[in-house]
Amino acid sequence: MRHGSLQNMIAADSKGAVPEVGMGATEILWTDRRPWTVVAVKSPTRIIVQMDSVRARGEGGIGRQDWEITPDPTGHMETLTLRKDGKWRRMGDATVFLIGIREKHYDWSF
């Protein structure tokens, strides 16, 4: 999968940490990044992540990237698998997740 920003290309090629429950994860999209939390380690090659709650801190507008990120016990869950290329991907597609980092980035230009 190709990415629309240099930061996301670098992140997608990075090796993440060994997953542990409670650890952050970041979904690497075209130019955006979404934060998740590891909620279950099913095996060394299969984990469950849950989407975090995100809200902007203080006042701000377009271009602002100051986010308050907290685990959301009611958030959407996804199963990730560790592939032969060493990357964690959503089961059923090629979306890459970086384990060990919880980050939000929104590209306001789209």
Protein backbone atom coordinates (compact mmCIF):
# COMPACT_ATOMS: atom_id res chain seq x y z
CA MET A 1 0.00 0.00 0.00
CA ARG A 2 1.30 3.42 -0.90
CA HIS A 3 0.89 6.40 1.39
CA GLY A 4 0.34 10.06 0.60
CA SER A 5 2.81 11.52 3.07
CA LEU A 6 6.47 10.91 3.83
CA GLN A 7 5.69 10.52 7.55
CA ASN A 8 3.17 7.77 6.85
CA MET A 9 5.52 5.97 4.44
CA ILE A 10 8.23 5.95 7.11
CA ALA A 11 5.77 4.84 9.83
CA ALA A 12 4.40 2.03 7.64
CA ASP A 13 7.93 0.68 7.15
CA SER A 14 8.85 0.90 10.85
CA LYS A 15 9.03 -2.11 13.11
CA GLY A 16 6.67 -1.74 16.03
CA ALA A 17 6.96 -3.05 19.55
CA VAL A 18 5.88 -6.48 20.75
CA PRO A 19 2.19 -5.94 21.57
CA GLU A 20 0.91 -5.90 25.15
CA VAL A 21 -2.59 -5.18 26.44
CA GLY A 22 -3.01 -1.44 27.04
CA MET A 23 -0.31 -0.46 24.57
CA GLY A 24 -1.08 2.13 21.90
CA ALA A 25 -1.32 1.42 18.19
CA THR A 26 -1.57 3.73 15.20
CA GLU A 27 -3.50 3.00 12.00
CA ILE A 28 -1.51 4.35 9.05
CA LEU A 29 -3.83 5.70 6.36
CA TRP A 30 -3.16 7.67 3.15
CA THR A 31 -2.16 10.89 4.95
CA ASP A 32 -4.01 10.48 8.25
CA ARG A 33 -3.18 8.45 11.35
CA ARG A 34 -5.73 7.09 13.87
CA PRO A 35 -5.04 5.97 17.46
CA TRP A 36 -6.06 2.57 18.84
CA THR A 37 -5.37 0.54 21.98
CA VAL A 38 -4.34 -3.12 22.13
CA VAL A 39 -7.10 -4.84 24.15
CA ALA A 40 -6.17 -8.51 23.65
CA VAL A 41 -3.16 -10.55 22.55
CA LYS A 42 -4.61 -13.77 21.13
CA SER A 43 -1.28 -15.19 19.91
CA PRO A 44 2.14 -13.89 18.84
CA THR A 45 0.64 -13.15 15.40
CA ARG A 46 -2.93 -12.07 16.24
CA ILE A 47 -4.18 -9.17 18.38
CA ILE A 48 -7.38 -7.20 18.96
CA VAL A 49 -7.28 -3.39 18.94
CA GLN A 50 -10.00 -0.91 19.90
CA MET A 51 -10.41 2.58 18.44
CA ASP A 52 -9.55 5.37 20.88
CA SER A 53 -11.57 8.49 21.65
CA VAL A 54 -10.04 11.65 20.19
CA ARG A 55 -10.90 15.26 20.73
CA ALA A 56 -9.15 18.53 19.99
CA ARG A 57 -7.55 20.25 22.97
CA GLY A 58 -8.55 23.85 23.57
CA GLU A 59 -9.52 26.08 20.72
CA GLY A 60 -8.09 25.82 17.29
CA GLY A 61 -8.90 25.52 13.68
CA ILE A 62 -7.69 24.04 10.48
CA GLY A 63 -4.15 22.76 10.78
CA ARG A 64 -4.29 22.29 14.55
CA GLN A 65 -2.86 18.93 15.63
CA ASP A 66 -3.20 19.07 19.42
CA TRP A 67 -5.31 16.03 20.32
CA GLU A 68 -6.48 14.50 23.58
CA ILE A 69 -6.44 10.72 23.07
CA THR A 70 -8.00 8.30 25.53
CA PRO A 71 -8.89 4.60 25.33
CA ASP A 72 -12.60 4.12 24.56
CA PRO A 73 -14.09 0.97 26.12
CA THR A 74 -17.01 1.22 23.65
CA GLY A 75 -14.83 1.86 20.57
CA HIS A 76 -14.87 -0.21 17.40
CA MET A 77 -12.64 -3.30 17.51
CA GLU A 78 -10.50 -4.86 14.79
CA THR A 79 -8.40 -8.00 14.56
CA LEU A 80 -4.82 -7.51 13.38
CA THR A 81 -2.45 -10.17 12.15
CA LEU A 82 1.33 -10.09 11.92
CA ARG A 83 2.26 -10.78 8.30
CA LYS A 84 5.37 -12.33 6.79
CA ASP A 85 6.68 -8.84 5.98
CA GLY A 86 6.77 -8.10 9.73
CA LYS A 87 3.87 -5.61 9.63
CA TRP A 88 0.65 -5.70 11.62
CA ARG A 89 -2.32 -5.43 9.28
CA ARG A 90 -6.09 -5.43 9.65
CA MET A 91 -7.46 -8.89 9.03
CA GLY A 92 -8.82 -8.97 5.49
CA ASP A 93 -6.98 -5.96 4.06
CA ALA A 94 -3.60 -4.31 3.75
CA THR A 95 -3.98 -1.41 6.20
CA VAL A 96 -0.81 -1.15 8.33
CA PHE A 97 -0.85 -0.53 12.10
CA LEU A 98 2.23 0.56 14.02
CA ILE A 99 2.26 -1.06 17.48
CA GLY A 100 3.67 0.82 20.47
CA ILE A 101 2.76 4.33 19.31
CA ARG A 102 -0.61 6.03 19.79
CA GLU A 103 -0.88 8.94 17.38
CA LYS A 104 -3.52 11.06 15.67
CA HIS A 105 -2.94 13.16 12.57
CA TYR A 106 -5.62 14.68 10.39
CA ASP A 107 -4.74 16.05 6.97
CA TRP A 108 -6.92 19.14 6.60
CA SER A 109 -6.14 19.46 2.87
CA PHE A 110 -8.56 16.66 1.85
